[in-house]
């Protein structure tokens, strides 16, 4: 695993939104909202990983990829 930090989905979205402007209108999301969104995303990732870990312990027949995809679809609704 690389030690290089990766951009989260929230960070990517903020970078795209904050660069947008429509004429005189510009979106500027306050830092406290950005930080709250990052913390929410972090907690979701941690809880998701814990849920996958617990499912792996229960069902060793399926592959890790199958379990992760099933858990993702169950948690986040799949291809919405």
C-alpha atoms as a PDB file:
ATOM      1  CA  UNK A   1       0.000   0.000   0.000  1.00  0.00           C
ATOM      2  CA  UNK A   2       1.290   3.458  -0.902  1.00  0.00           C
ATOM      3  CA  UNK A   3       2.040   6.065   1.760  1.00  0.00           C
ATOM      4  CA  UNK A   4       0.983   8.751  -0.693  1.00  0.00           C
ATOM      5  CA  UNK A   5      -2.216  10.501   0.428  1.00  0.00           C
ATOM      6  CA  UNK A   6      -5.171  10.146  -1.884  1.00  0.00           C
ATOM      7  CA  UNK A   7      -7.998  12.573  -2.442  1.00  0.00           C
ATOM      8  CA  UNK A   8     -11.348  11.537  -0.965  1.00  0.00           C
ATOM      9  CA  UNK A   9     -14.599  11.862  -2.908  1.00  0.00           C
ATOM     10  CA  UNK A  10     -15.622  14.820  -0.724  1.00  0.00           C
ATOM     11  CA  UNK A  11     -12.315  16.605  -1.371  1.00  0.00           C
ATOM     12  CA  UNK A  12     -12.636  15.979  -5.116  1.00  0.00           C
ATOM     13  CA  UNK A  13     -16.208  17.313  -5.175  1.00  0.00           C
ATOM     14  CA  UNK A  14     -15.276  20.421  -3.202  1.00  0.00           C
ATOM     15  CA  UNK A  15     -12.376  21.141  -5.551  1.00  0.00           C
ATOM     16  CA  UNK A  16     -14.718  20.930  -8.527  1.00  0.00           C
ATOM     17  CA  UNK A  17     -17.571  22.934  -6.982  1.00  0.00           C
ATOM     18  CA  UNK A  18     -15.343  25.706  -5.627  1.00  0.00           C
ATOM     19  CA  UNK A  19     -13.884  26.257  -9.108  1.00  0.00           C
ATOM     20  CA  UNK A  20     -17.316  26.711 -10.702  1.00  0.00           C
ATOM     21  CA  UNK A  21     -18.915  30.037 -11.401  1.00  0.00           C
ATOM     22  CA  UNK A  22     -21.966  31.005 -13.385  1.00  0.00           C
ATOM     23  CA  UNK A  23     -21.578  34.591 -14.462  1.00  0.00           C
ATOM     24  CA  UNK A  24     -21.369  36.659 -11.297  1.00  0.00           C
ATOM     25  CA  UNK A  25     -22.545  33.747  -9.137  1.00  0.00           C
ATOM     26  CA  UNK A  26     -19.835  31.692  -7.452  1.00  0.00           C
ATOM     27  CA  UNK A  27     -20.248  28.818  -5.010  1.00  0.00           C
ATOM     28  CA  UNK A  28     -17.967  28.986  -1.999  1.00  0.00           C
ATOM     29  CA  UNK A  29     -18.596  26.267   0.573  1.00  0.00           C
ATOM     30  CA  UNK A  30     -17.625  27.296   4.128  1.00  0.00           C
ATOM     31  CA  UNK A  31     -14.677  25.397   5.669  1.00  0.00           C
ATOM     32  CA  UNK A  32     -16.743  24.146   8.627  1.00  0.00           C
ATOM     33  CA  UNK A  33     -19.181  22.441   6.232  1.00  0.00           C
ATOM     34  CA  UNK A  34     -16.298  20.936   4.255  1.00  0.00           C
ATOM     35  CA  UNK A  35     -14.700  19.584   7.438  1.00  0.00           C
ATOM     36  CA  UNK A  36     -18.022  18.174   8.629  1.00  0.00           C
ATOM     37  CA  UNK A  37     -18.501  16.407   5.279  1.00  0.00           C
ATOM     38  CA  UNK A  38     -14.961  14.967   5.470  1.00  0.00           C
ATOM     39  CA  UNK A  39     -15.596  13.664   8.999  1.00  0.00           C
ATOM     40  CA  UNK A  40     -18.894  12.094   7.897  1.00  0.00           C
ATOM     41  CA  UNK A  41     -17.165  10.425   4.939  1.00  0.00           C
ATOM     42  CA  UNK A  42     -14.360   9.165   7.194  1.00  0.00           C
ATOM     43  CA  UNK A  43     -16.841   7.667   9.656  1.00  0.00           C
ATOM     44  CA  UNK A  44     -18.770   6.021   6.797  1.00  0.00           C
ATOM     45  CA  UNK A  45     -15.565   4.442   5.485  1.00  0.00           C
ATOM     46  CA  UNK A  46     -14.563   3.163   8.925  1.00  0.00           C
ATOM     47  CA  UNK A  47     -18.001   1.725   9.673  1.00  0.00           C
ATOM     48  CA  UNK A  48     -18.169   0.159   6.215  1.00  0.00           C
ATOM     49  CA  UNK A  49     -14.761  -1.512   6.699  1.00  0.00           C
ATOM     50  CA  UNK A  50     -15.839  -2.831  10.107  1.00  0.00           C
ATOM     51  CA  UNK A  51     -19.055  -4.253   8.635  1.00  0.00           C
ATOM     52  CA  UNK A  52     -17.137  -5.966   5.828  1.00  0.00           C
ATOM     53  CA  UNK A  53     -14.671  -7.393   8.344  1.00  0.00           C
ATOM     54  CA  UNK A  54     -17.501  -8.848  10.441  1.00  0.00           C
ATOM     55  CA  UNK A  55     -19.168 -10.360   7.358  1.00  0.00           C
ATOM     56  CA  UNK A  56     -15.889 -11.966   6.278  1.00  0.00           C
ATOM     57  CA  UNK A  57     -15.651 -13.671   9.650  1.00  0.00           C
ATOM     58  CA  UNK A  58     -19.192 -15.050   9.207  1.00  0.00           C
ATOM     59  CA  UNK A  59     -18.961 -16.159   5.559  1.00  0.00           C
ATOM     60  CA  UNK A  60     -15.568 -17.450   4.453  1.00  0.00           C
ATOM     61  CA  UNK A  61     -16.956 -19.126   1.306  1.00  0.00           C
ATOM     62  CA  UNK A  62     -17.382 -15.930  -0.714  1.00  0.00           C
ATOM     63  CA  UNK A  63     -14.477 -13.961  -2.088  1.00  0.00           C
ATOM     64  CA  UNK A  64     -13.522 -10.692  -0.441  1.00  0.00           C
ATOM     65  CA  UNK A  65     -14.599  -8.802  -3.572  1.00  0.00           C
ATOM     66  CA  UNK A  66     -18.042 -10.413  -3.516  1.00  0.00           C
ATOM     67  CA  UNK A  67     -18.509  -9.568   0.149  1.00  0.00           C
ATOM     68  CA  UNK A  68     -17.327  -5.983  -0.278  1.00  0.00           C
ATOM     69  CA  UNK A  69     -19.590  -5.417  -3.281  1.00  0.00           C
ATOM     70  CA  UNK A  70     -22.599  -6.944  -1.501  1.00  0.00           C
ATOM     71  CA  UNK A  71     -21.968  -4.828   1.576  1.00  0.00           C
ATOM     72  CA  UNK A  72     -21.498  -1.680  -0.527  1.00  0.00           C
ATOM     73  CA  UNK A  73     -24.767  -2.282  -2.370  1.00  0.00           C
ATOM     74  CA  UNK A  74     -26.561  -2.987   0.906  1.00  0.00           C
ATOM     75  CA  UNK A  75     -25.101   0.097   2.583  1.00  0.00           C
ATOM     76  CA  UNK A  76     -25.144   2.638  -0.252  1.00  0.00           C
ATOM     77  CA  UNK A  77     -27.722   1.266  -2.668  1.00  0.00           C
ATOM     78  CA  UNK A  78     -25.485   0.074  -5.471  1.00  0.00           C
ATOM     79  CA  UNK A  79     -25.872   1.789  -8.847  1.00  0.00           C
ATOM     80  CA  UNK A  80     -28.244   4.589  -7.839  1.00  0.00           C
END
